[in-house]
Amino acid sequence: MIRFGVCTKFEKLPLLEKAGYDYMEYALSSLEKRSEEEYAEFVKLVEASSLNVEAFNGFFPADIPLVGPAVDMERIATYTEKALGRAARLG
């Protein structure tokens, strides 16, 4: 069976559900940048929806260098912990 999902803004989750999608994908870097209030709103939408956030893309934002002389391992670790913690809460 083919399942259909889409990567879009979290505010679109109710529309996706209504349109018959099976799941939602979201940008991990956008999830991490959301304020606590915006993130809490997203969690409420997901918990109230029949759709799950089953995948993430865009693991690191462009402003966090992963190679070269500007690498900041502490920043990478802090970002990763917050982003993956938020993703885990969404299932």
Protein backbone atom coordinates (compact mmCIF):
# COMPACT_ATOMS: atom_id res chain seq x y z
CA MET A 1 0.00 0.00 0.00
CA ILE A 2 1.34 3.41 -0.93
CA ARG A 3 1.30 6.05 1.80
CA PHE A 4 1.37 9.75 1.10
CA GLY A 5 3.06 12.39 3.19
CA VAL A 6 4.22 15.92 2.69
CA CYS A 7 6.81 18.24 4.15
CA THR A 8 5.24 21.56 5.05
CA LYS A 9 4.69 24.08 7.84
CA PHE A 10 3.22 22.63 11.02
CA GLU A 11 0.26 24.99 10.82
CA LYS A 12 -0.86 23.00 7.76
CA LEU A 13 -1.33 19.75 9.73
CA PRO A 14 -5.16 20.02 9.97
CA LEU A 15 -5.34 20.71 6.23
CA LEU A 16 -3.19 17.65 5.46
CA GLU A 17 -5.43 15.49 7.62
CA LYS A 18 -8.52 16.81 5.85
CA ALA A 19 -6.93 16.22 2.44
CA GLY A 20 -6.30 12.56 3.26
CA TYR A 21 -2.53 12.45 3.73
CA ASP A 22 -1.08 9.62 5.80
CA TYR A 23 1.73 11.46 7.56
CA MET A 24 3.65 14.71 7.79
CA GLU A 25 7.34 15.42 7.39
CA TYR A 26 8.97 18.49 8.93
CA ALA A 27 12.35 20.25 8.86
CA LEU A 28 14.27 19.42 12.03
CA SER A 29 16.17 22.70 11.86
CA SER A 30 12.86 24.61 11.81
CA LEU A 31 11.57 22.60 14.75
CA GLU A 32 14.57 23.55 16.85
CA LYS A 33 14.22 27.25 16.02
CA ARG A 34 10.59 27.48 17.13
CA SER A 35 9.84 29.28 20.39
CA GLU A 36 8.61 27.17 23.30
CA GLU A 37 5.09 28.49 22.69
CA GLU A 38 5.17 27.62 18.97
CA TYR A 39 6.57 24.18 19.74
CA ALA A 40 3.86 23.55 22.36
CA GLU A 41 1.24 24.54 19.75
CA PHE A 42 2.75 22.04 17.29
CA VAL A 43 2.68 19.28 19.93
CA LYS A 44 -1.01 19.98 20.58
CA LEU A 45 -1.79 19.82 16.86
CA VAL A 46 0.03 16.50 16.49
CA GLU A 47 -1.59 14.99 19.58
CA ALA A 48 -5.07 16.00 18.33
CA SER A 49 -4.43 14.72 14.80
CA SER A 50 -4.73 11.27 13.28
CA LEU A 51 -1.49 12.04 11.41
CA ASN A 52 1.97 11.54 12.81
CA VAL A 53 5.19 13.36 12.08
CA GLU A 54 7.03 10.31 10.78
CA ALA A 55 10.08 11.89 9.21
CA PHE A 56 12.30 14.93 9.40
CA ASN A 57 14.58 16.52 6.84
CA GLY A 58 17.10 19.34 7.03
CA PHE A 59 18.89 17.96 10.10
CA PHE A 60 21.30 20.90 10.48
CA PRO A 61 20.63 24.52 9.55
CA ALA A 62 23.03 26.28 7.19
CA ASP A 63 24.31 28.56 9.97
CA ILE A 64 25.94 25.69 11.89
CA PRO A 65 29.16 24.69 10.13
CA LEU A 66 29.95 20.98 10.43
CA VAL A 67 33.41 21.07 8.84
CA GLY A 68 36.27 23.51 8.59
CA PRO A 69 37.86 25.98 10.99
CA ALA A 70 34.53 27.43 12.21
CA VAL A 71 33.24 24.15 13.67
CA ASP A 72 31.88 24.58 17.19
CA MET A 73 31.31 21.13 18.68
CA GLU A 74 29.50 22.54 21.72
CA ARG A 75 27.03 24.39 19.50
CA ILE A 76 26.50 21.25 17.41
CA ALA A 77 25.87 19.16 20.54
CA THR A 78 23.49 21.73 22.07
CA TYR A 79 21.52 22.06 18.85
CA THR A 80 21.35 18.28 18.35
CA GLU A 81 20.15 17.63 21.90
CA LYS A 82 17.36 20.20 21.65
CA ALA A 83 16.28 19.27 18.12
CA LEU A 84 16.21 15.51 18.71
CA GLY A 85 14.49 15.95 22.07
CA ARG A 86 11.73 17.89 20.40
CA ALA A 87 11.47 15.37 17.57
CA ALA A 88 11.26 12.48 20.03
CA ARG A 89 8.32 14.11 21.80
CA LEU A 90 6.48 14.17 18.48
CA GLY A 91 7.02 10.43 18.09
